[in-house]
């Protein structure tokens, strides 16, 4: 859930809840390299210094808006996180962006080669179950690297809510990533 456990991401909400607790101080020493180093064109595009800050801002805003629109546990968790740690969602997205972009690379490649009508967001939405599973798999890997057992448990509690929230975020997340990839 890029929030409530990319909530988010994450890429909506599909990532673990609190970035400062969930992620180790040095992600490169604990997490798989495909979560921290770009492995394809999409990861390289969002990691480009001239684009990254804007992508992080846009994805963070999309997560917040999606959680607010959806209401329920995701919105409650996001609100609580932001009250206790302002900027936590932004930090979470910044730290986890590459992992999600790398996970979406096969979808990006298929979209580009298919000549599919509509944008990348529409493409992801048409495969929302598969894409949601992919994003949750990335979130699961981040949660496994959490600093505390409590953070891992909190993520597991919010995971099912995240699975329900991700499809609503896919059109906007896909559009943001497509714009960044040019």
Protein backbone atom coordinates (compact mmCIF):
# COMPACT_ATOMS: atom_id res chain seq x y z
CA UNK A 1 0.00 0.00 0.00
CA UNK A 2 2.07 2.93 -0.93
CA UNK A 3 0.45 3.84 2.46
CA UNK A 4 -1.14 2.13 5.49
CA UNK A 5 1.32 -0.56 5.05
CA UNK A 6 2.68 2.16 -2.53
CA UNK A 7 -0.51 2.70 1.29
CA UNK A 8 1.09 3.52 -1.57
CA UNK A 9 2.67 2.31 -3.21
CA UNK A 10 2.93 3.11 -3.71
CA UNK A 11 2.74 3.05 -6.04
CA UNK A 12 -1.03 3.43 -3.76
CA UNK A 13 -1.39 2.34 -1.51
CA UNK A 14 1.22 -0.29 -1.81
CA UNK A 15 4.12 0.19 0.55
CA UNK A 16 4.94 -0.28 4.19
CA UNK A 17 3.53 2.31 6.53
CA UNK A 18 6.37 4.20 8.12
CA UNK A 19 9.49 4.57 6.06
CA UNK A 20 11.70 5.63 8.95
CA UNK A 21 10.83 2.48 10.92
CA UNK A 22 10.37 -0.01 8.12
CA UNK A 23 13.48 0.61 6.14
CA UNK A 24 16.95 -0.15 7.37
CA UNK A 25 19.31 2.81 7.66
CA UNK A 26 21.25 1.54 4.66
CA UNK A 27 18.85 -0.14 2.28
CA UNK A 28 21.61 -1.24 -0.07
CA UNK A 29 23.10 -3.57 2.56
CA UNK A 30 19.86 -5.34 3.45
CA UNK A 31 17.51 -5.23 0.49
CA UNK A 32 17.85 -6.93 -2.85
CA UNK A 33 19.63 -4.73 -5.37
CA UNK A 34 16.55 -4.61 -7.64
CA UNK A 35 14.80 -2.67 -4.88
CA UNK A 36 17.45 0.03 -4.69
CA UNK A 37 19.22 0.14 -8.08
CA UNK A 38 17.46 0.80 -11.38
CA UNK A 39 17.43 -2.28 -13.60
CA UNK A 40 15.56 -1.04 -16.65
CA UNK A 41 14.42 1.98 -18.60
CA UNK A 42 11.56 2.82 -16.25
CA UNK A 43 13.77 2.69 -13.14
CA UNK A 44 16.44 4.74 -14.88
CA UNK A 45 13.87 7.32 -15.98
CA UNK A 46 12.41 7.87 -12.51
CA UNK A 47 15.88 7.88 -10.97
CA UNK A 48 17.14 10.60 -13.34
CA UNK A 49 18.08 13.54 -11.10
CA UNK A 50 16.25 15.98 -13.39
CA UNK A 51 12.98 14.05 -12.94
CA UNK A 52 13.13 12.22 -9.61
CA UNK A 53 11.98 15.02 -7.28
CA UNK A 54 8.95 15.77 -9.45
CA UNK A 55 8.04 12.07 -9.71
CA UNK A 56 8.32 11.61 -5.94
CA UNK A 57 6.14 14.70 -5.36
CA UNK A 58 3.51 13.58 -7.87
CA UNK A 59 3.38 9.99 -6.59
CA UNK A 60 3.18 11.21 -2.97
CA UNK A 61 0.30 13.50 -3.90
CA UNK A 62 -1.43 10.68 -5.80
CA UNK A 63 -1.16 8.39 -2.79
CA UNK A 64 -2.57 11.03 -0.46
CA UNK A 65 -5.44 11.84 -2.82
CA UNK A 66 -6.26 8.18 -3.47
CA UNK A 67 -6.26 7.34 0.23
CA UNK A 68 -8.45 10.36 0.97
CA UNK A 69 -10.89 9.48 -1.83
CA UNK A 70 -11.05 5.83 -0.78
CA UNK A 71 -11.52 6.59 2.92
CA UNK A 72 -11.37 3.70 5.36
CA UNK A 73 -8.23 2.24 6.94
CA UNK A 74 -5.85 3.58 4.29
CA UNK A 75 -7.01 7.17 4.79
CA UNK A 76 -6.93 6.78 8.57
CA UNK A 77 -3.42 5.32 8.51
CA UNK A 78 -2.12 8.00 6.15
CA UNK A 79 -3.58 10.75 8.31
CA UNK A 80 -2.07 9.25 11.47
CA UNK A 81 1.32 8.80 9.82
CA UNK A 82 1.42 12.34 8.48
CA UNK A 83 0.37 13.78 11.86
CA UNK A 84 3.04 11.88 13.74
CA UNK A 85 5.74 12.17 11.09
CA UNK A 86 5.10 14.93 8.54
CA UNK A 87 6.60 14.04 5.18
CA UNK A 88 6.66 10.28 5.91
CA UNK A 89 4.79 9.40 2.72
CA UNK A 90 7.17 11.52 0.66
CA UNK A 91 10.15 9.80 2.33
CA UNK A 92 8.58 6.40 1.76
CA UNK A 93 8.00 7.09 -1.93
CA UNK A 94 11.51 8.47 -2.33
CA UNK A 95 13.06 5.39 -0.76
CA UNK A 96 10.88 2.85 -2.55
CA UNK A 97 10.38 4.40 -5.99
CA UNK A 98 13.11 2.37 -7.69
CA UNK A 99 11.79 -0.94 -6.35
CA UNK A 100 8.31 -0.25 -7.69
CA UNK A 101 9.59 1.06 -11.02
CA UNK A 102 11.76 -2.04 -11.46
CA UNK A 103 8.80 -4.28 -10.63
CA UNK A 104 6.67 -2.49 -13.22
CA UNK A 105 9.36 -2.78 -15.93
CA UNK A 106 7.85 -5.94 -17.51
CA UNK A 107 4.46 -4.19 -17.70
CA UNK A 108 6.14 -1.10 -19.18
CA UNK A 109 7.93 -3.21 -21.81
CA UNK A 110 4.71 -5.04 -22.70
CA UNK A 111 2.81 -1.75 -22.92
CA UNK A 112 5.44 -0.17 -25.17
CA UNK A 113 5.65 -3.18 -27.48
CA UNK A 114 1.89 -3.75 -27.69
CA UNK A 115 0.97 -0.33 -29.03
CA UNK A 116 -1.94 -0.43 -26.59
CA UNK A 117 -4.50 2.35 -26.88
CA UNK A 118 -4.63 4.74 -23.94
CA UNK A 119 -1.82 5.47 -21.57
CA UNK A 120 0.27 3.36 -19.25
CA UNK A 121 -2.19 4.01 -16.42
CA UNK A 122 -5.00 2.48 -18.49
CA UNK A 123 -2.74 -0.44 -19.35
CA UNK A 124 -1.97 -1.06 -15.68
CA UNK A 125 -5.64 -0.74 -14.75
CA UNK A 126 -6.62 -3.34 -17.32
CA UNK A 127 -4.28 -5.71 -15.49
CA UNK A 128 -5.04 -4.45 -11.99
CA UNK A 129 -5.04 -7.83 -10.28
CA UNK A 130 -1.65 -8.84 -11.65
CA UNK A 131 -0.13 -5.38 -11.13
CA UNK A 132 -1.52 -5.15 -7.59
CA UNK A 133 0.06 -8.50 -6.75
CA UNK A 134 3.36 -7.29 -8.21
CA UNK A 135 3.32 -4.08 -6.18
CA UNK A 136 2.30 -5.88 -3.00
CA UNK A 137 5.15 -8.33 -3.57
CA UNK A 138 7.57 -5.41 -3.58
CA UNK A 139 5.95 -3.98 -0.43
CA UNK A 140 6.24 -7.40 1.19
CA UNK A 141 9.96 -7.43 0.50
CA UNK A 142 10.38 -3.97 2.02
CA UNK A 143 8.35 -5.03 5.06
CA UNK A 144 10.56 -8.10 5.53
CA UNK A 145 13.50 -5.71 5.93
CA UNK A 146 11.69 -3.64 8.58
CA UNK A 147 13.73 -2.64 11.59
CA UNK A 148 11.14 -3.80 14.10
CA UNK A 149 8.74 -6.69 14.50
CA UNK A 150 6.01 -4.17 15.32
CA UNK A 151 6.47 -2.50 11.95
CA UNK A 152 6.24 -5.85 10.17
CA UNK A 153 3.07 -6.72 12.09
CA UNK A 154 1.54 -3.30 11.34
CA UNK A 155 2.24 -3.84 7.66
CA UNK A 156 0.57 -7.26 7.71
CA UNK A 157 -2.50 -5.80 9.41
CA UNK A 158 -2.86 -3.14 6.71
CA UNK A 159 -1.90 -5.31 3.75
CA UNK A 160 -5.41 -6.49 2.83
CA UNK A 161 -6.69 -2.92 2.82
CA UNK A 162 -3.81 -1.97 0.55
CA UNK A 163 -4.70 -4.75 -1.87
CA UNK A 164 -8.14 -3.19 -2.21
CA UNK A 165 -6.79 0.36 -2.64
CA UNK A 166 -4.11 -0.23 -5.27
CA UNK A 167 -6.38 -0.55 -8.34
CA UNK A 168 -7.79 2.94 -7.76
CA UNK A 169 -4.29 4.43 -7.82
CA UNK A 170 -3.03 2.65 -10.94
CA UNK A 171 -4.31 5.08 -13.59
CA UNK A 172 -2.61 8.06 -11.98
CA UNK A 173 0.57 6.22 -10.99
CA UNK A 174 0.89 4.83 -14.52
CA UNK A 175 0.38 8.29 -16.00
CA UNK A 176 3.06 9.77 -13.72
CA UNK A 177 5.54 7.04 -14.63
CA UNK A 178 4.81 7.37 -18.34
CA UNK A 179 5.36 11.11 -18.21
CA UNK A 180 8.68 10.58 -16.40
CA UNK A 181 9.79 7.95 -18.91
CA UNK A 182 9.06 10.36 -21.73
